[in-house]
Amino acid sequence: MANRRTTEEQLEALSKRQEQMKAQEKALKKRLSEENRKARTRRLIKIGAEVESVYGKAIEEDKLPRLRKFLQEQEYRGSFLTKALERADDDDAAFIKEKEEV
């Protein structure tokens, strides 16, 4: 006859499995958090590089509050940054062509 586990043994096995699953969940959440942090860091570096390339030189840390204030003022005055970033790609082509004609 097959060896049957007692109810207590079944509960112990379930408890052990729950602990393992919680540990797996914790590890996956940690990995996801790390991936998100790395993606954000990469995005911020790329944005900073784009800003410096347009400005033409390195932006010193003491200038960052001015840059922030400038961007906030642009948003307050007409959401220019938001509009520019949400514009469709074909609008960008028209904008560039318009600027070239001037």
C-alpha atoms as a PDB file:
ATOM      1  CA  MET A   1       0.000   0.000   0.000  1.00  0.00           C
ATOM      2  CA  ALA A   2       1.185   3.539  -0.762  1.00  0.00           C
ATOM      3  CA  ASN A   3       2.712   5.540   2.029  1.00  0.00           C
ATOM      4  CA  ARG A   4       0.272   8.365   2.838  1.00  0.00           C
ATOM      5  CA  ARG A   5       1.354  11.579   4.477  1.00  0.00           C
ATOM      6  CA  THR A   6      -0.394  12.755   7.558  1.00  0.00           C
ATOM      7  CA  THR A   7      -2.330  15.985   7.599  1.00  0.00           C
ATOM      8  CA  GLU A   8       0.438  17.588   9.637  1.00  0.00           C
ATOM      9  CA  GLU A   9       3.035  16.557   7.074  1.00  0.00           C
ATOM     10  CA  GLN A  10       0.877  17.978   4.274  1.00  0.00           C
ATOM     11  CA  LEU A  11       0.552  21.266   6.168  1.00  0.00           C
ATOM     12  CA  GLU A  12       4.312  21.396   6.692  1.00  0.00           C
ATOM     13  CA  ALA A  13       4.903  20.791   2.995  1.00  0.00           C
ATOM     14  CA  LEU A  14       2.455  23.536   2.058  1.00  0.00           C
ATOM     15  CA  SER A  15       4.037  25.921   4.535  1.00  0.00           C
ATOM     16  CA  LYS A  16       7.482  25.196   3.120  1.00  0.00           C
ATOM     17  CA  ARG A  17       6.210  25.742  -0.433  1.00  0.00           C
ATOM     18  CA  GLN A  18       4.629  29.063   0.616  1.00  0.00           C
ATOM     19  CA  GLU A  19       7.951  30.225   2.044  1.00  0.00           C
ATOM     20  CA  GLN A  20       9.709  29.262  -1.176  1.00  0.00           C
ATOM     21  CA  MET A  21       7.148  31.136  -3.266  1.00  0.00           C
ATOM     22  CA  LYS A  22       7.431  34.221  -1.056  1.00  0.00           C
ATOM     23  CA  ALA A  23      11.203  34.133  -1.465  1.00  0.00           C
ATOM     24  CA  GLN A  24      10.801  33.838  -5.255  1.00  0.00           C
ATOM     25  CA  GLU A  25       8.334  36.735  -5.261  1.00  0.00           C
ATOM     26  CA  LYS A  26      10.715  38.877  -3.226  1.00  0.00           C
ATOM     27  CA  ALA A  27      13.610  38.074  -5.576  1.00  0.00           C
ATOM     28  CA  LEU A  28      11.501  38.898  -8.652  1.00  0.00           C
ATOM     29  CA  LYS A  29      10.333  42.195  -7.144  1.00  0.00           C
ATOM     30  CA  LYS A  30      13.943  43.075  -6.341  1.00  0.00           C
ATOM     31  CA  ARG A  31      15.020  42.262  -9.907  1.00  0.00           C
ATOM     32  CA  LEU A  32      12.152  44.326 -11.366  1.00  0.00           C
ATOM     33  CA  SER A  33      13.028  47.251  -9.117  1.00  0.00           C
ATOM     34  CA  GLU A  34      16.663  47.060 -10.198  1.00  0.00           C
ATOM     35  CA  GLU A  35      15.692  46.879 -13.882  1.00  0.00           C
ATOM     36  CA  ASN A  36      13.435  49.920 -13.482  1.00  0.00           C
ATOM     37  CA  ARG A  37      16.161  51.853 -11.673  1.00  0.00           C
ATOM     38  CA  LYS A  38      18.717  51.057 -14.380  1.00  0.00           C
ATOM     39  CA  ALA A  39      16.265  52.028 -17.143  1.00  0.00           C
ATOM     40  CA  ARG A  40      15.536  55.345 -15.391  1.00  0.00           C
ATOM     41  CA  THR A  41      19.232  56.072 -14.918  1.00  0.00           C
ATOM     42  CA  ARG A  42      19.902  55.341 -18.589  1.00  0.00           C
ATOM     43  CA  ARG A  43      16.986  57.566 -19.647  1.00  0.00           C
ATOM     44  CA  LEU A  44      18.193  60.441 -17.453  1.00  0.00           C
ATOM     45  CA  ILE A  45      21.723  60.176 -18.833  1.00  0.00           C
ATOM     46  CA  LYS A  46      20.411  60.257 -22.401  1.00  0.00           C
ATOM     47  CA  ILE A  47      18.233  63.294 -21.653  1.00  0.00           C
ATOM     48  CA  GLY A  48      21.165  65.098 -20.082  1.00  0.00           C
ATOM     49  CA  ALA A  49      23.342  64.296 -23.087  1.00  0.00           C
ATOM     50  CA  GLU A  50      20.701  65.679 -25.455  1.00  0.00           C
ATOM     51  CA  VAL A  51      20.363  68.892 -23.448  1.00  0.00           C
ATOM     52  CA  GLU A  52      24.128  69.391 -23.371  1.00  0.00           C
ATOM     53  CA  SER A  53      24.408  68.701 -27.100  1.00  0.00           C
ATOM     54  CA  VAL A  54      21.842  71.417 -27.836  1.00  0.00           C
ATOM     55  CA  TYR A  55      23.435  73.820 -25.352  1.00  0.00           C
ATOM     56  CA  GLY A  56      26.820  73.156 -26.918  1.00  0.00           C
ATOM     57  CA  LYS A  57      28.784  72.694 -23.731  1.00  0.00           C
ATOM     58  CA  ALA A  58      28.626  70.970 -20.377  1.00  0.00           C
ATOM     59  CA  ILE A  59      26.029  72.282 -17.969  1.00  0.00           C
ATOM     60  CA  GLU A  60      27.580  72.825 -14.580  1.00  0.00           C
ATOM     61  CA  GLU A  61      25.670  71.712 -11.506  1.00  0.00           C
ATOM     62  CA  ASP A  62      25.241  75.282 -10.309  1.00  0.00           C
ATOM     63  CA  LYS A  63      23.255  75.974 -13.515  1.00  0.00           C
ATOM     64  CA  LEU A  64      20.770  73.155 -12.943  1.00  0.00           C
ATOM     65  CA  PRO A  65      18.350  75.284 -10.874  1.00  0.00           C
ATOM     66  CA  ARG A  66      18.247  77.794 -13.757  1.00  0.00           C
ATOM     67  CA  LEU A  67      17.573  75.038 -16.266  1.00  0.00           C
ATOM     68  CA  ARG A  68      14.802  73.665 -14.064  1.00  0.00           C
ATOM     69  CA  LYS A  69      13.273  77.132 -13.639  1.00  0.00           C
ATOM     70  CA  PHE A  70      13.448  77.733 -17.403  1.00  0.00           C
ATOM     71  CA  LEU A  71      11.652  74.466 -18.138  1.00  0.00           C
ATOM     72  CA  GLN A  72       9.022  75.160 -15.485  1.00  0.00           C
ATOM     73  CA  GLU A  73       8.412  78.641 -16.922  1.00  0.00           C
ATOM     74  CA  GLN A  74       8.011  77.182 -20.413  1.00  0.00           C
ATOM     75  CA  GLU A  75       5.404  74.777 -19.106  1.00  0.00           C
ATOM     76  CA  TYR A  76       3.626  77.510 -17.158  1.00  0.00           C
ATOM     77  CA  ARG A  77       3.537  79.877 -20.136  1.00  0.00           C
ATOM     78  CA  GLY A  78       2.085  77.405 -22.574  1.00  0.00           C
ATOM     79  CA  SER A  79       3.138  73.828 -21.921  1.00  0.00           C
ATOM     80  CA  PHE A  80       5.707  74.171 -24.696  1.00  0.00           C
ATOM     81  CA  LEU A  81       7.791  71.193 -23.576  1.00  0.00           C
ATOM     82  CA  THR A  82       4.737  68.975 -23.192  1.00  0.00           C
ATOM     83  CA  LYS A  83       3.407  69.985 -26.599  1.00  0.00           C
ATOM     84  CA  ALA A  84       6.782  69.435 -28.253  1.00  0.00           C
ATOM     85  CA  LEU A  85       7.236  66.005 -26.711  1.00  0.00           C
ATOM     86  CA  GLU A  86       3.694  64.874 -27.495  1.00  0.00           C
ATOM     87  CA  ARG A  87       3.739  66.120 -31.080  1.00  0.00           C
ATOM     88  CA  ALA A  88       3.448  63.425 -33.752  1.00  0.00           C
ATOM     89  CA  ASP A  89       6.559  62.582 -35.784  1.00  0.00           C
ATOM     90  CA  ASP A  90       5.020  63.961 -38.987  1.00  0.00           C
ATOM     91  CA  ASP A  91       4.489  67.278 -37.169  1.00  0.00           C
ATOM     92  CA  ASP A  92       8.234  67.312 -36.415  1.00  0.00           C
ATOM     93  CA  ALA A  93       9.037  66.982 -40.123  1.00  0.00           C
ATOM     94  CA  ALA A  94       6.720  69.886 -40.956  1.00  0.00           C
ATOM     95  CA  PHE A  95       8.258  71.967 -38.155  1.00  0.00           C
ATOM     96  CA  ILE A  96      11.794  71.311 -39.398  1.00  0.00           C
ATOM     97  CA  LYS A  97      10.828  72.123 -42.990  1.00  0.00           C
ATOM     98  CA  GLU A  98       9.173  75.348 -41.841  1.00  0.00           C
ATOM     99  CA  LYS A  99      12.320  76.374 -39.929  1.00  0.00           C
ATOM    100  CA  GLU A 100      14.524  75.628 -42.952  1.00  0.00           C
ATOM    101  CA  GLU A 101      12.403  77.891 -45.158  1.00  0.00           C
ATOM    102  CA  VAL A 102      12.826  80.851 -42.807  1.00  0.00           C
END
